[in-house]
Amino acid sequence: MLLVLIIGLATGILSGLAVGGGTLLVPALVLFLGVGQHMAQGVSLAAFIPTALVAVITHYRHGNVRLDIAVAAVTGSVLGAVAGSLMAAEISADLLKKVFGVFLIIMGVYEFTLKDRVKI
């Protein structure tokens, strides 16, 4: 249980920094605790709710939340979450691991090579 608390602490810090705690939590649950991919992603999403709530309140208090952008992002995210969770439930854990792994690789390459060049 101590390992789970340490993993949770690390992912909470990443979430608070808006880095994406799930990018650490999912692999940690799979690799260190032997949790299946579907279960790891479900636990990650459940852990995200209180973590995100605390982080958004903190960022809001510091004036770092534009509500107009947040409402639009939440709307799209909820629709995407429904679609993504329905898709995830229908594919094998093996394929889900590969999709998640490819996502992590793409984000890693972006962070190391393109981040400073891409302006949004």
Protein backbone atom coordinates (compact mmCIF):
# COMPACT_ATOMS: atom_id res chain seq x y z
CA MET A 1 0.00 0.00 0.00
CA LEU A 2 2.93 2.35 0.65
CA LEU A 3 4.01 1.99 -2.99
CA VAL A 4 0.52 3.00 -4.13
CA LEU A 5 0.65 6.10 -1.89
CA ILE A 6 4.08 7.07 -3.28
CA ILE A 7 2.87 6.59 -6.86
CA GLY A 8 -0.23 8.65 -6.00
CA LEU A 9 1.90 11.44 -4.54
CA ALA A 10 4.08 11.60 -7.66
CA THR A 11 1.10 11.60 -10.00
CA GLY A 12 -0.68 14.22 -7.89
CA ILE A 13 2.33 16.52 -8.16
CA LEU A 14 2.39 16.04 -11.94
CA SER A 15 -1.34 16.70 -12.15
CA GLY A 16 -0.99 19.88 -10.12
CA LEU A 17 1.68 21.01 -12.56
CA ALA A 18 -0.77 20.19 -15.41
CA VAL A 19 1.75 17.72 -16.82
CA GLY A 20 -0.62 14.77 -16.76
CA GLY A 21 -0.46 12.46 -13.78
CA GLY A 22 -2.02 9.63 -15.78
CA THR A 23 1.08 9.43 -17.92
CA LEU A 24 2.87 8.19 -14.80
CA LEU A 25 0.01 6.51 -12.94
CA VAL A 26 -1.08 4.12 -15.69
CA PRO A 27 2.40 2.69 -16.44
CA ALA A 28 3.22 2.55 -12.70
CA LEU A 29 0.07 0.57 -11.92
CA VAL A 30 0.72 -1.82 -14.81
CA LEU A 31 4.46 -2.29 -14.30
CA PHE A 32 4.85 -2.15 -10.52
CA LEU A 33 1.53 -3.46 -9.28
CA GLY A 34 0.53 -5.83 -12.08
CA VAL A 35 -2.82 -4.12 -12.66
CA GLY A 36 -4.42 -4.75 -16.06
CA GLN A 37 -4.41 -1.93 -18.62
CA HIS A 38 -8.16 -1.32 -18.54
CA MET A 39 -8.17 -1.28 -14.73
CA ALA A 40 -5.12 1.03 -14.61
CA GLN A 41 -6.77 3.51 -16.92
CA GLY A 42 -9.99 3.37 -14.90
CA VAL A 43 -8.13 3.94 -11.63
CA SER A 44 -6.22 6.80 -13.26
CA LEU A 45 -9.45 8.46 -14.30
CA ALA A 46 -10.99 7.99 -10.84
CA ALA A 47 -7.88 9.49 -9.23
CA PHE A 48 -8.00 12.38 -11.68
CA ILE A 49 -11.34 13.74 -10.43
CA PRO A 50 -10.30 14.90 -6.93
CA THR A 51 -6.79 15.77 -8.12
CA ALA A 52 -8.15 17.95 -10.91
CA LEU A 53 -10.67 19.59 -8.60
CA VAL A 54 -7.96 20.65 -6.14
CA ALA A 55 -5.66 21.81 -8.96
CA VAL A 56 -8.36 23.81 -10.75
CA ILE A 57 -9.41 25.56 -7.53
CA THR A 58 -5.79 26.48 -6.85
CA HIS A 59 -5.20 27.73 -10.39
CA TYR A 60 -8.51 29.63 -10.34
CA ARG A 61 -7.52 31.39 -7.12
CA HIS A 62 -4.30 32.51 -8.83
CA GLY A 63 -6.24 33.88 -11.81
CA ASN A 64 -5.05 31.18 -14.21
CA VAL A 65 -8.44 30.00 -15.47
CA ARG A 66 -10.38 31.62 -18.28
CA LEU A 67 -13.92 30.37 -17.80
CA ASP A 68 -14.93 30.83 -21.45
CA ILE A 69 -12.08 28.59 -22.60
CA ALA A 70 -12.62 26.16 -19.71
CA VAL A 71 -16.33 25.68 -20.49
CA ALA A 72 -15.61 24.97 -24.16
CA ALA A 73 -12.78 22.58 -23.24
CA VAL A 74 -14.95 20.77 -20.68
CA THR A 75 -17.75 20.35 -23.20
CA GLY A 76 -15.42 18.84 -25.78
CA SER A 77 -13.64 16.76 -23.15
CA VAL A 78 -16.86 15.22 -21.84
CA LEU A 79 -17.95 14.25 -25.34
CA GLY A 80 -14.48 12.88 -26.07
CA ALA A 81 -14.41 10.96 -22.77
CA VAL A 82 -17.66 9.21 -23.62
CA ALA A 83 -16.36 8.25 -27.07
CA GLY A 84 -12.92 7.26 -25.78
CA SER A 85 -14.20 5.14 -22.90
CA LEU A 86 -16.62 3.31 -25.19
CA MET A 87 -13.77 2.62 -27.63
CA ALA A 88 -11.39 1.52 -24.84
CA ALA A 89 -13.97 -0.93 -23.51
CA GLU A 90 -14.16 -2.62 -26.91
CA ILE A 91 -10.45 -3.11 -27.64
CA SER A 92 -8.04 -5.60 -26.12
CA ALA A 93 -5.74 -4.67 -23.27
CA ASP A 94 -2.79 -5.39 -25.55
CA LEU A 95 -3.93 -2.89 -28.17
CA LEU A 96 -4.83 -0.38 -25.46
CA LYS A 97 -1.27 -0.62 -24.06
CA LYS A 98 0.14 -0.02 -27.54
CA VAL A 99 -2.11 2.98 -28.19
CA PHE A 100 -1.16 4.45 -24.80
CA GLY A 101 2.52 3.76 -25.46
CA VAL A 102 2.41 5.44 -28.88
CA PHE A 103 0.73 8.46 -27.30
CA LEU A 104 3.49 8.70 -24.69
CA ILE A 105 6.19 8.44 -27.37
CA ILE A 106 4.56 11.14 -29.50
CA MET A 107 4.27 13.45 -26.49
CA GLY A 108 7.89 12.76 -25.54
CA VAL A 109 9.14 13.55 -29.03
CA TYR A 110 7.03 16.71 -29.07
CA GLU A 111 8.40 17.86 -25.71
CA PHE A 112 12.02 17.27 -26.72
CA THR A 113 11.92 18.55 -30.30
CA LEU A 114 8.94 20.62 -31.34
CA LYS A 115 7.58 22.31 -28.21
CA ASP A 116 9.48 25.58 -28.66
CA ARG A 117 8.74 25.77 -32.39
CA VAL A 118 4.99 25.12 -32.31
CA LYS A 119 3.01 28.21 -31.29
CA ILE A 120 -0.70 27.85 -30.61
